[in-house]
PDB file of N, CA and C in Angstrom:
ATOM      1  N   MET A   1       0.746  -1.112   0.015  1.00  0.00           N
ATOM      2  CA  MET A   1      -0.053  -0.016  -0.009  1.00  0.00           C
ATOM      3  C   MET A   1       0.855   1.322   0.045  1.00  0.00           C
ATOM      4  N   ALA A   2       0.661   2.145  -0.890  1.00  0.00           N
ATOM      5  CA  ALA A   2       1.410   3.356  -0.783  1.00  0.00           C
ATOM      6  C   ALA A   2       0.430   4.513  -0.453  1.00  0.00           C
ATOM      7  N   LEU A   3       0.911   5.220   0.535  1.00  0.00           N
ATOM      8  CA  LEU A   3       0.108   6.478   1.025  1.00  0.00           C
ATOM      9  C   LEU A   3       0.758   7.620   0.169  1.00  0.00           C
ATOM     10  N   ASN A   4      -0.206   8.629  -0.023  1.00  0.00           N
ATOM     11  CA  ASN A   4       0.288   9.723  -0.635  1.00  0.00           C
ATOM     12  C   ASN A   4       1.354  10.366   0.149  1.00  0.00           C
ATOM     13  N   SER A   5       2.034  11.400  -0.358  1.00  0.00           N
ATOM     14  CA  SER A   5       3.377  12.021   0.352  1.00  0.00           C
ATOM     15  C   SER A   5       2.855  12.827   1.579  1.00  0.00           C
ATOM     16  N   ASN A   6       1.603  13.109   1.779  1.00  0.00           N
ATOM     17  CA  ASN A   6       1.032  13.775   3.046  1.00  0.00           C
ATOM     18  C   ASN A   6       0.350  12.804   3.862  1.00  0.00           C
ATOM     19  N   PRO A   7       1.191  12.276   4.917  1.00  0.00           N
ATOM     20  CA  PRO A   7       0.585  11.318   5.810  1.00  0.00           C
ATOM     21  C   PRO A   7      -0.251  11.957   6.864  1.00  0.00           C
ATOM     22  N   ASP A   8      -0.290  13.221   6.927  1.00  0.00           N
ATOM     23  CA  ASP A   8      -1.005  13.913   7.919  1.00  0.00           C
ATOM     24  C   ASP A   8      -2.618  13.905   7.539  1.00  0.00           C
ATOM     25  N   ASN A   9      -3.022  12.859   7.027  1.00  0.00           N
ATOM     26  CA  ASN A   9      -4.327  12.595   6.737  1.00  0.00           C
ATOM     27  C   ASN A   9      -5.264  12.133   8.054  1.00  0.00           C
ATOM     28  N   SER A  10      -6.352  12.598   8.185  1.00  0.00           N
ATOM     29  CA  SER A  10      -7.158  12.421   9.491  1.00  0.00           C
ATOM     30  C   SER A  10      -7.444  10.996   9.694  1.00  0.00           C
ATOM     31  N   ARG A  11      -7.427  10.076   8.637  1.00  0.00           N
ATOM     32  CA  ARG A  11      -7.674   8.740   8.705  1.00  0.00           C
ATOM     33  C   ARG A  11      -6.618   7.846   9.376  1.00  0.00           C
ATOM     34  N   TYR A  12      -5.414   8.452   9.298  1.00  0.00           N
ATOM     35  CA  TYR A  12      -4.117   7.890   9.910  1.00  0.00           C
ATOM     36  C   TYR A  12      -3.627   8.612  11.051  1.00  0.00           C
ATOM     37  N   LYS A  13      -2.876   7.839  11.918  1.00  0.00           N
ATOM     38  CA  LYS A  13      -2.337   8.476  13.097  1.00  0.00           C
ATOM     39  C   LYS A  13      -0.802   8.656  12.848  1.00  0.00           C
ATOM     40  N   VAL A  14      -0.225   9.826  12.835  1.00  0.00           N
ATOM     41  CA  VAL A  14       1.110  10.066  12.724  1.00  0.00           C
ATOM     42  C   VAL A  14       1.815  10.016  14.069  1.00  0.00           C
ATOM     43  N   ILE A  15       2.733   9.162  14.304  1.00  0.00           N
ATOM     44  CA  ILE A  15       3.369   9.059  15.659  1.00  0.00           C
ATOM     45  C   ILE A  15       4.607   9.899  15.630  1.00  0.00           C
ATOM     46  N   PRO A  16       4.618  10.824  16.550  1.00  0.00           N
ATOM     47  CA  PRO A  16       5.834  11.694  16.679  1.00  0.00           C
ATOM     48  C   PRO A  16       7.125  11.016  17.063  1.00  0.00           C
ATOM     49  N   LEU A  17       8.199  11.134  16.336  1.00  0.00           N
ATOM     50  CA  LEU A  17       9.373  10.589  16.780  1.00  0.00           C
ATOM     51  C   LEU A  17      10.592  11.720  16.727  1.00  0.00           C
ATOM     52  N   SER A  18      11.718  11.266  17.221  1.00  0.00           N
ATOM     53  CA  SER A  18      12.886  12.035  17.290  1.00  0.00           C
ATOM     54  C   SER A  18      13.918  11.253  16.506  1.00  0.00           C
ATOM     55  N   ALA A  19      14.821  12.030  15.927  1.00  0.00           N
ATOM     56  CA  ALA A  19      15.882  11.445  15.104  1.00  0.00           C
ATOM     57  C   ALA A  19      17.053  10.886  16.018  1.00  0.00           C
ATOM     58  N   ILE A  20      16.642   9.898  16.769  1.00  0.00           N
ATOM     59  CA  ILE A  20      17.783   9.282  17.659  1.00  0.00           C
ATOM     60  C   ILE A  20      17.748   7.820  17.357  1.00  0.00           C
ATOM     61  N   PRO A  21      18.900   7.236  17.576  1.00  0.00           N
ATOM     62  CA  PRO A  21      19.107   5.880  16.949  1.00  0.00           C
ATOM     63  C   PRO A  21      18.457   4.710  17.877  1.00  0.00           C
ATOM     64  N   ASP A  22      18.038   5.022  19.044  1.00  0.00           N
ATOM     65  CA  ASP A  22      17.289   4.041  19.933  1.00  0.00           C
ATOM     66  C   ASP A  22      16.151   4.647  20.682  1.00  0.00           C
ATOM     67  N   GLN A  23      14.959   4.366  20.418  1.00  0.00           N
ATOM     68  CA  GLN A  23      13.909   5.008  21.272  1.00  0.00           C
ATOM     69  C   GLN A  23      12.762   4.027  21.464  1.00  0.00           C
ATOM     70  N   LYS A  24      12.122   4.094  22.703  1.00  0.00           N
ATOM     71  CA  LYS A  24      11.163   3.267  23.189  1.00  0.00           C
ATOM     72  C   LYS A  24      10.096   4.124  23.782  1.00  0.00           C
ATOM     73  N   PHE A  25       8.804   3.828  23.385  1.00  0.00           N
ATOM     74  CA  PHE A  25       7.619   4.605  23.721  1.00  0.00           C
ATOM     75  C   PHE A  25       6.364   3.799  23.844  1.00  0.00           C
ATOM     76  N   SER A  26       5.342   4.222  24.471  1.00  0.00           N
ATOM     77  CA  SER A  26       4.081   3.691  24.498  1.00  0.00           C
ATOM     78  C   SER A  26       3.115   4.536  23.795  1.00  0.00           C
ATOM     79  N   VAL A  27       2.221   4.060  23.043  1.00  0.00           N
ATOM     80  CA  VAL A  27       1.256   4.748  22.212  1.00  0.00           C
ATOM     81  C   VAL A  27       0.074   3.881  22.076  1.00  0.00           C
ATOM     82  N   THR A  28      -1.152   4.622  21.976  1.00  0.00           N
ATOM     83  CA  THR A  28      -2.639   3.907  21.793  1.00  0.00           C
ATOM     84  C   THR A  28      -2.823   3.971  20.291  1.00  0.00           C
ATOM     85  N   LEU A  29      -2.886   2.778  19.807  1.00  0.00           N
ATOM     86  CA  LEU A  29      -3.258   2.722  18.373  1.00  0.00           C
ATOM     87  C   LEU A  29      -4.446   1.951  18.145  1.00  0.00           C
ATOM     88  N   GLY A  30      -5.508   2.487  17.673  1.00  0.00           N
ATOM     89  CA  GLY A  30      -6.758   1.776  17.386  1.00  0.00           C
ATOM     90  C   GLY A  30      -7.346   1.010  18.646  1.00  0.00           C
ATOM     91  N   GLY A  31      -7.219   1.809  19.783  1.00  0.00           N
ATOM     92  CA  GLY A  31      -7.555   1.205  21.210  1.00  0.00           C
ATOM     93  C   GLY A  31      -6.757   0.201  21.851  1.00  0.00           C
ATOM     94  N   GLN A  32      -5.577  -0.041  21.044  1.00  0.00           N
ATOM     95  CA  GLN A  32      -4.535  -0.989  21.654  1.00  0.00           C
ATOM     96  C   GLN A  32      -3.378  -0.196  22.253  1.00  0.00           C
ATOM     97  N   ILE A  33      -2.932  -0.548  23.611  1.00  0.00           N
ATOM     98  CA  ILE A  33      -1.905   0.155  24.142  1.00  0.00           C
ATOM     99  C   ILE A  33      -0.572  -0.656  23.694  1.00  0.00           C
ATOM    100  N   CYS A  34       0.203   0.037  22.864  1.00  0.00           N
ATOM    101  CA  CYS A  34       1.358  -0.548  22.159  1.00  0.00           C
ATOM    102  C   CYS A  34       2.638   0.056  22.810  1.00  0.00           C
ATOM    103  N   GLN A  35       3.640  -0.892  22.893  1.00  0.00           N
ATOM    104  CA  GLN A  35       5.025  -0.400  23.262  1.00  0.00           C
ATOM    105  C   GLN A  35       5.794  -0.671  21.938  1.00  0.00           C
ATOM    106  N   ILE A  36       6.547   0.326  21.464  1.00  0.00           N
ATOM    107  CA  ILE A  36       7.349   0.219  20.231  1.00  0.00           C
ATOM    108  C   ILE A  36       8.664   0.615  20.534  1.00  0.00           C
ATOM    109  N   ARG A  37       9.625  -0.086  20.034  1.00  0.00           N
ATOM    110  CA  ARG A  37      11.011   0.201  20.211  1.00  0.00           C
ATOM    111  C   ARG A  37      11.584   0.266  18.763  1.00  0.00           C
ATOM    112  N   LEU A  38      12.219   1.480  18.384  1.00  0.00           N
ATOM    113  CA  LEU A  38      12.880   1.607  17.236  1.00  0.00           C
ATOM    114  C   LEU A  38      14.283   1.855  17.402  1.00  0.00           C
ATOM    115  N   TYR A  39      15.118   1.027  16.737  1.00  0.00           N
ATOM    116  CA  TYR A  39      16.583   0.998  16.886  1.00  0.00           C
ATOM    117  C   TYR A  39      17.276   0.898  15.537  1.00  0.00           C
ATOM    118  N   TRP A  40      18.444   1.661  15.449  1.00  0.00           N
ATOM    119  CA  TRP A  40      19.218   1.615  14.324  1.00  0.00           C
ATOM    120  C   TRP A  40      20.482   0.775  14.406  1.00  0.00           C
ATOM    121  N   ARG A  41      20.613  -0.199  13.396  1.00  0.00           N
ATOM    122  CA  ARG A  41      21.606  -1.142  13.507  1.00  0.00           C
ATOM    123  C   ARG A  41      22.083  -1.413  11.951  1.00  0.00           C
ATOM    124  N   TYR A  42      23.249  -1.346  11.692  1.00  0.00           N
ATOM    125  CA  TYR A  42      23.944  -1.841  10.559  1.00  0.00           C
ATOM    126  C   TYR A  42      23.388  -0.915   9.267  1.00  0.00           C
ATOM    127  N   GLY A  43      23.066   0.379   9.617  1.00  0.00           N
ATOM    128  CA  GLY A  43      22.575   1.189   8.487  1.00  0.00           C
ATOM    129  C   GLY A  43      21.020   1.085   8.274  1.00  0.00           C
ATOM    130  N   TRP A  44      20.175   0.235   9.104  1.00  0.00           N
ATOM    131  CA  TRP A  44      18.813   0.082   8.997  1.00  0.00           C
ATOM    132  C   TRP A  44      18.214   0.322  10.240  1.00  0.00           C
ATOM    133  N   LEU A  45      16.822   0.631  10.051  1.00  0.00           N
ATOM    134  CA  LEU A  45      16.005   0.975  11.162  1.00  0.00           C
ATOM    135  C   LEU A  45      15.129  -0.332  11.401  1.00  0.00           C
ATOM    136  N   PHE A  46      15.109  -0.867  12.645  1.00  0.00           N
ATOM    137  CA  PHE A  46      14.387  -1.959  13.006  1.00  0.00           C
ATOM    138  C   PHE A  46      13.366  -1.578  14.031  1.00  0.00           C
ATOM    139  N   ALA A  47      12.124  -2.461  14.200  1.00  0.00           N
ATOM    140  CA  ALA A  47      11.174  -2.225  15.224  1.00  0.00           C
ATOM    141  C   ALA A  47      10.870  -3.505  15.853  1.00  0.00           C
ATOM    142  N   ASP A  48      10.604  -3.400  17.246  1.00  0.00           N
ATOM    143  CA  ASP A  48       9.989  -4.304  18.113  1.00  0.00           C
ATOM    144  C   ASP A  48       8.602  -3.698  18.549  1.00  0.00           C
ATOM    145  N   ILE A  49       7.552  -4.510  18.429  1.00  0.00           N
ATOM    146  CA  ILE A  49       6.182  -3.982  18.808  1.00  0.00           C
ATOM    147  C   ILE A  49       5.406  -5.053  19.658  1.00  0.00           C
ATOM    148  N   ASP A  50       5.006  -4.537  20.758  1.00  0.00           N
ATOM    149  CA  ASP A  50       4.257  -5.332  21.669  1.00  0.00           C
ATOM    150  C   ASP A  50       2.842  -4.750  21.943  1.00  0.00           C
ATOM    151  N   VAL A  51       1.892  -5.425  22.221  1.00  0.00           N
ATOM    152  CA  VAL A  51       0.466  -4.928  22.760  1.00  0.00           C
ATOM    153  C   VAL A  51       0.407  -5.684  24.068  1.00  0.00           C
ATOM    154  N   GLY A  52       0.255  -4.884  24.954  1.00  0.00           N
ATOM    155  CA  GLY A  52       0.341  -5.367  26.469  1.00  0.00           C
ATOM    156  C   GLY A  52       1.579  -6.368  26.549  1.00  0.00           C
ATOM    157  N   THR A  53       1.265  -7.559  26.992  1.00  0.00           N
ATOM    158  CA  THR A  53       2.405  -8.555  27.125  1.00  0.00           C
ATOM    159  C   THR A  53       2.526  -9.386  26.016  1.00  0.00           C
ATOM    160  N   ASP A  54       1.899  -9.154  24.882  1.00  0.00           N
ATOM    161  CA  ASP A  54       1.892  -9.960  23.555  1.00  0.00           C
ATOM    162  C   ASP A  54       2.975  -9.378  22.637  1.00  0.00           C
ATOM    163  N   ILE A  55       3.755 -10.102  22.150  1.00  0.00           N
ATOM    164  CA  ILE A  55       4.782  -9.877  21.095  1.00  0.00           C
ATOM    165  C   ILE A  55       4.012  -9.849  19.777  1.00  0.00           C
ATOM    166  N   VAL A  56       4.109  -8.686  19.143  1.00  0.00           N
ATOM    167  CA  VAL A  56       3.504  -8.446  17.798  1.00  0.00           C
ATOM    168  C   VAL A  56       4.618  -8.771  16.691  1.00  0.00           C
ATOM    169  N   CYS A  57       5.774  -8.149  17.004  1.00  0.00           N
ATOM    170  CA  CYS A  57       6.922  -8.435  16.038  1.00  0.00           C
ATOM    171  C   CYS A  57       8.317  -8.101  16.654  1.00  0.00           C
ATOM    172  N   ARG A  58       9.329  -8.719  16.284  1.00  0.00           N
ATOM    173  CA  ARG A  58      10.658  -8.405  16.867  1.00  0.00           C
ATOM    174  C   ARG A  58      11.563  -8.308  15.660  1.00  0.00           C
ATOM    175  N   GLY A  59      12.511  -7.225  15.553  1.00  0.00           N
ATOM    176  CA  GLY A  59      13.518  -7.107  14.551  1.00  0.00           C
ATOM    177  C   GLY A  59      12.934  -6.886  13.204  1.00  0.00           C
ATOM    178  N   ALA A  60      11.795  -6.293  13.025  1.00  0.00           N
ATOM    179  CA  ALA A  60      11.053  -5.966  11.722  1.00  0.00           C
ATOM    180  C   ALA A  60      11.936  -4.736  11.226  1.00  0.00           C
ATOM    181  N   ILE A  61      12.328  -5.042   9.911  1.00  0.00           N
ATOM    182  CA  ILE A  61      12.920  -3.992   9.202  1.00  0.00           C
ATOM    183  C   ILE A  61      12.042  -2.868   8.762  1.00  0.00           C
ATOM    184  N   CYS A  62      12.351  -1.604   8.978  1.00  0.00           N
ATOM    185  CA  CYS A  62      11.495  -0.529   8.633  1.00  0.00           C
ATOM    186  C   CYS A  62      12.061   0.124   7.371  1.00  0.00           C
ATOM    187  N   MET A  63      11.117   0.042   6.267  1.00  0.00           N
ATOM    188  CA  MET A  63      11.571   0.715   5.065  1.00  0.00           C
ATOM    189  C   MET A  63      10.433   1.566   4.578  1.00  0.00           C
ATOM    190  N   SER A  64      10.713   2.665   3.935  1.00  0.00           N
ATOM    191  CA  SER A  64       9.784   3.669   3.552  1.00  0.00           C
ATOM    192  C   SER A  64       8.696   2.979   2.663  1.00  0.00           C
ATOM    193  N   SER A  65       7.365   3.192   2.973  1.00  0.00           N
ATOM    194  CA  SER A  65       6.235   2.716   2.144  1.00  0.00           C
ATOM    195  C   SER A  65       6.122   1.349   2.088  1.00  0.00           C
ATOM    196  N   GLN A  66       6.614   0.569   3.199  1.00  0.00           N
ATOM    197  CA  GLN A  66       6.416  -0.819   3.282  1.00  0.00           C
ATOM    198  C   GLN A  66       5.858  -1.176   4.677  1.00  0.00           C
ATOM    199  N   TRP A  67       4.863  -2.139   4.861  1.00  0.00           N
ATOM    200  CA  TRP A  67       4.385  -2.474   6.074  1.00  0.00           C
ATOM    201  C   TRP A  67       5.484  -2.933   6.920  1.00  0.00           C
ATOM    202  N   ILE A  68       5.362  -2.450   8.252  1.00  0.00           N
ATOM    203  CA  ILE A  68       6.210  -3.008   9.272  1.00  0.00           C
ATOM    204  C   ILE A  68       5.987  -4.342   9.722  1.00  0.00           C
ATOM    205  N   ILE A  69       4.620  -4.605   9.904  1.00  0.00           N
ATOM    206  CA  ILE A  69       4.253  -5.911  10.276  1.00  0.00           C
ATOM    207  C   ILE A  69       3.723  -6.614   9.078  1.00  0.00           C
ATOM    208  N   GLN A  70       4.668  -7.770   8.694  1.00  0.00           N
ATOM    209  CA  GLN A  70       4.472  -8.403   7.411  1.00  0.00           C
ATOM    210  C   GLN A  70       3.382  -9.398   7.335  1.00  0.00           C
ATOM    211  N   GLN A  71       2.993 -10.123   8.577  1.00  0.00           N
ATOM    212  CA  GLN A  71       1.969 -11.242   8.519  1.00  0.00           C
ATOM    213  C   GLN A  71       0.958 -10.670   9.333  1.00  0.00           C
ATOM    214  N   PRO A  72      -0.329 -11.036   9.115  1.00  0.00           N
ATOM    215  CA  PRO A  72      -1.471 -10.726   9.762  1.00  0.00           C
ATOM    216  C   PRO A  72      -1.304 -11.204  11.291  1.00  0.00           C
ATOM    217  N   LYS A  73      -1.678 -10.481  12.218  1.00  0.00           N
ATOM    218  CA  LYS A  73      -1.551 -10.943  13.616  1.00  0.00           C
ATOM    219  C   LYS A  73      -2.932 -10.902  14.330  1.00  0.00           C
ATOM    220  N   VAL A  74      -3.174 -11.957  15.129  1.00  0.00           N
ATOM    221  CA  VAL A  74      -4.387 -11.896  15.984  1.00  0.00           C
ATOM    222  C   VAL A  74      -4.446 -10.886  17.070  1.00  0.00           C
ATOM    223  N   ASN A  75      -3.094 -10.607  17.465  1.00  0.00           N
ATOM    224  CA  ASN A  75      -3.058  -9.699  18.661  1.00  0.00           C
ATOM    225  C   ASN A  75      -2.749  -8.163  18.196  1.00  0.00           C
ATOM    226  N   PHE A  76      -2.904  -7.765  17.005  1.00  0.00           N
ATOM    227  CA  PHE A  76      -2.829  -6.371  16.511  1.00  0.00           C
ATOM    228  C   PHE A  76      -3.597  -6.126  15.478  1.00  0.00           C
ATOM    229  N   SER A  77      -4.433  -5.052  15.513  1.00  0.00           N
ATOM    230  CA  SER A  77      -5.255  -4.667  14.433  1.00  0.00           C
ATOM    231  C   SER A  77      -4.780  -3.343  13.794  1.00  0.00           C
ATOM    232  N   GLY A  78      -4.573  -3.419  12.372  1.00  0.00           N
ATOM    233  CA  GLY A  78      -4.107  -2.276  11.671  1.00  0.00           C
ATOM    234  C   GLY A  78      -2.622  -2.650  11.335  1.00  0.00           C
ATOM    235  N   ASN A  79      -1.915  -1.538  10.885  1.00  0.00           N
ATOM    236  CA  ASN A  79      -0.580  -1.809  10.563  1.00  0.00           C
ATOM    237  C   ASN A  79       0.350  -0.431  10.618  1.00  0.00           C
ATOM    238  N   LEU A  80       1.563  -0.512  10.572  1.00  0.00           N
ATOM    239  CA  LEU A  80       2.414   0.590  10.595  1.00  0.00           C
ATOM    240  C   LEU A  80       3.340   0.796   9.389  1.00  0.00           C
ATOM    241  N   MET A  81       3.686   1.912   8.884  1.00  0.00           N
ATOM    242  CA  MET A  81       4.689   2.177   8.030  1.00  0.00           C
ATOM    243  C   MET A  81       5.240   3.486   8.051  1.00  0.00           C
ATOM    244  N   PHE A  82       6.565   3.517   7.644  1.00  0.00           N
ATOM    245  CA  PHE A  82       7.140   4.919   7.542  1.00  0.00           C
ATOM    246  C   PHE A  82       6.714   5.560   6.145  1.00  0.00           C
ATOM    247  N   VAL A  83       6.354   6.674   6.095  1.00  0.00           N
ATOM    248  CA  VAL A  83       6.072   7.445   4.918  1.00  0.00           C
ATOM    249  C   VAL A  83       7.082   8.548   4.613  1.00  0.00           C
ATOM    250  N   ASP A  84       7.539   8.581   3.310  1.00  0.00           N
ATOM    251  CA  ASP A  84       8.495   9.502   3.045  1.00  0.00           C
ATOM    252  C   ASP A  84       7.726  10.813   2.660  1.00  0.00           C
ATOM    253  N   ALA A  85       7.722  11.920   3.434  1.00  0.00           N
ATOM    254  CA  ALA A  85       7.094  13.129   3.202  1.00  0.00           C
ATOM    255  C   ALA A  85       7.592  13.806   1.875  1.00  0.00           C
ATOM    256  N   ASP A  86       8.658  13.455   1.406  1.00  0.00           N
ATOM    257  CA  ASP A  86       9.067  14.068   0.149  1.00  0.00           C
ATOM    258  C   ASP A  86       8.510  13.211  -1.023  1.00  0.00           C
ATOM    259  N   GLY A  87       7.896  12.047  -0.747  1.00  0.00           N
ATOM    260  CA  GLY A  87       7.124  11.348  -1.758  1.00  0.00           C
ATOM    261  C   GLY A  87       8.137  10.338  -2.591  1.00  0.00           C
ATOM    262  N   HIS A  88       9.325  10.145  -2.150  1.00  0.00           N
ATOM    263  CA  HIS A  88      10.309   9.440  -2.871  1.00  0.00           C
ATOM    264  C   HIS A  88      10.473   7.885  -2.626  1.00  0.00           C
ATOM    265  N   GLY A  89      10.030   7.670  -1.378  1.00  0.00           N
ATOM    266  CA  GLY A  89      10.044   6.103  -1.014  1.00  0.00           C
ATOM    267  C   GLY A  89      11.497   5.593  -0.943  1.00  0.00           C
ATOM    268  N   SER A  90      12.485   6.413  -0.512  1.00  0.00           N
ATOM    269  CA  SER A  90      13.800   6.089  -0.446  1.00  0.00           C
ATOM    270  C   SER A  90      14.095   5.231   0.955  1.00  0.00           C
ATOM    271  N   GLN A  91      15.307   4.773   1.113  1.00  0.00           N
ATOM    272  CA  GLN A  91      15.658   4.150   2.401  1.00  0.00           C
ATOM    273  C   GLN A  91      15.645   5.292   3.507  1.00  0.00           C
ATOM    274  N   ILE A  92      15.346   4.807   4.610  1.00  0.00           N
ATOM    275  CA  ILE A  92      15.098   5.868   5.718  1.00  0.00           C
ATOM    276  C   ILE A  92      16.586   6.252   6.125  1.00  0.00           C
ATOM    277  N   GLU A  93      16.588   7.489   6.370  1.00  0.00           N
ATOM    278  CA  GLU A  93      17.945   8.125   6.962  1.00  0.00           C
ATOM    279  C   GLU A  93      17.614   8.692   8.412  1.00  0.00           C
ATOM    280  N   LEU A  94      18.487   8.237   9.282  1.00  0.00           N
ATOM    281  CA  LEU A  94      18.296   8.392  10.751  1.00  0.00           C
ATOM    282  C   LEU A  94      18.156   9.785  10.977  1.00  0.00           C
ATOM    283  N   GLU A  95      18.926  10.606  10.503  1.00  0.00           N
ATOM    284  CA  GLU A  95      18.663  12.141  10.865  1.00  0.00           C
ATOM    285  C   GLU A  95      17.494  12.792  10.247  1.00  0.00           C
ATOM    286  N   LYS A  96      16.706  11.992   9.492  1.00  0.00           N
ATOM    287  CA  LYS A  96      15.355  12.659   9.079  1.00  0.00           C
ATOM    288  C   LYS A  96      14.157  11.886   9.602  1.00  0.00           C
ATOM    289  N   ILE A  97      14.360  10.953  10.539  1.00  0.00           N
ATOM    290  CA  ILE A  97      13.184  10.404  11.110  1.00  0.00           C
ATOM    291  C   ILE A  97      12.471  11.452  11.961  1.00  0.00           C
ATOM    292  N   GLY A  98      11.187  11.333  11.733  1.00  0.00           N
ATOM    293  CA  GLY A  98      10.322  12.266  12.379  1.00  0.00           C
ATOM    294  C   GLY A  98       9.919  13.680  11.678  1.00  0.00           C
ATOM    295  N   THR A  99      10.872  13.943  10.667  1.00  0.00           N
ATOM    296  CA  THR A  99      10.605  15.028   9.868  1.00  0.00           C
ATOM    297  C   THR A  99      10.214  14.621   8.409  1.00  0.00           C
ATOM    298  N   ARG A 100      11.265  14.128   7.599  1.00  0.00           N
ATOM    299  CA  ARG A 100      10.966  13.516   6.312  1.00  0.00           C
ATOM    300  C   ARG A 100      10.281  12.188   6.364  1.00  0.00           C
ATOM    301  N   TYR A 101      10.789  11.260   7.253  1.00  0.00           N
ATOM    302  CA  TYR A 101      10.209   9.948   7.335  1.00  0.00           C
ATOM    303  C   TYR A 101       9.310   9.863   8.686  1.00  0.00           C
ATOM    304  N   LYS A 102       7.983   9.721   8.437  1.00  0.00           N
ATOM    305  CA  LYS A 102       7.033   9.861   9.490  1.00  0.00           C
ATOM    306  C   LYS A 102       6.477   8.273   9.752  1.00  0.00           C
ATOM    307  N   LEU A 103       6.334   7.959  10.960  1.00  0.00           N
ATOM    308  CA  LEU A 103       5.736   6.670  11.273  1.00  0.00           C
ATOM    309  C   LEU A 103       4.249   6.887  11.446  1.00  0.00           C
ATOM    310  N   VAL A 104       3.468   6.041  10.584  1.00  0.00           N
ATOM    311  CA  VAL A 104       2.157   6.239  10.525  1.00  0.00           C
ATOM    312  C   VAL A 104       1.379   4.875  10.842  1.00  0.00           C
ATOM    313  N   TYR A 105       0.319   5.043  11.657  1.00  0.00           N
ATOM    314  CA  TYR A 105      -0.565   3.920  11.934  1.00  0.00           C
ATOM    315  C   TYR A 105      -1.694   3.932  10.960  1.00  0.00           C
ATOM    316  N   ILE A 106      -1.944   2.802  10.380  1.00  0.00           N
ATOM    317  CA  ILE A 106      -3.331   2.677   9.529  1.00  0.00           C
ATOM    318  C   ILE A 106      -4.209   1.721  10.059  1.00  0.00           C
ATOM    319  N   PRO A 107      -5.418   2.135  10.284  1.00  0.00           N
ATOM    320  CA  PRO A 107      -6.393   1.325  10.884  1.00  0.00           C
ATOM    321  C   PRO A 107      -6.795   0.135  10.132  1.00  0.00           C
ATOM    322  N   GLU A 108      -7.228  -0.959  10.652  1.00  0.00           N
ATOM    323  CA  GLU A 108      -7.577  -2.115   9.779  1.00  0.00           C
ATOM    324  C   GLU A 108      -8.521  -1.788   8.733  1.00  0.00           C
ATOM    325  N   SER A 109      -9.598  -0.817   9.083  1.00  0.00           N
ATOM    326  CA  SER A 109     -10.591  -0.497   8.035  1.00  0.00           C
ATOM    327  C   SER A 109     -10.005   0.210   6.783  1.00  0.00           C
ATOM    328  N   GLU A 110      -8.793   0.697   6.850  1.00  0.00           N
ATOM    329  CA  GLU A 110      -8.133   1.436   5.731  1.00  0.00           C
ATOM    330  C   GLU A 110      -7.254   0.417   4.962  1.00  0.00           C
ATOM    331  N   ILE A 111      -7.102  -0.805   5.328  1.00  0.00           N
ATOM    332  CA  ILE A 111      -6.214  -1.681   4.692  1.00  0.00           C
ATOM    333  C   ILE A 111      -6.970  -2.507   3.756  1.00  0.00           C
ATOM    334  N   ALA A 112      -6.602  -2.461   2.492  1.00  0.00           N
ATOM    335  CA  ALA A 112      -7.207  -3.250   1.428  1.00  0.00           C
ATOM    336  C   ALA A 112      -6.774  -4.599   1.424  1.00  0.00           C
TER     337      ALA A 112
END
């Protein structure tokens, strides 16, 4: 699924981030209390996602315009992706996380 280059659409939730190499935070997405860890390794951004005590994914590679959660999960509704605000869909650059590359939650109802 490709989102337009303006992820600030009211149907999606943009999750504020900082351009730091390792961050962990809690956020409510579609009524789910999620813990997300983003970390930079070997020139790539990875994600660990939990809902409560349930693991949703570990070590998922984050790429612009690609789903972070690759397989349907019974313990998570919706999906996440990084959107390139410049519309190019290039590899994520650490120093542009949160500005050019925005983490967006897409609810299940918007996923075709």
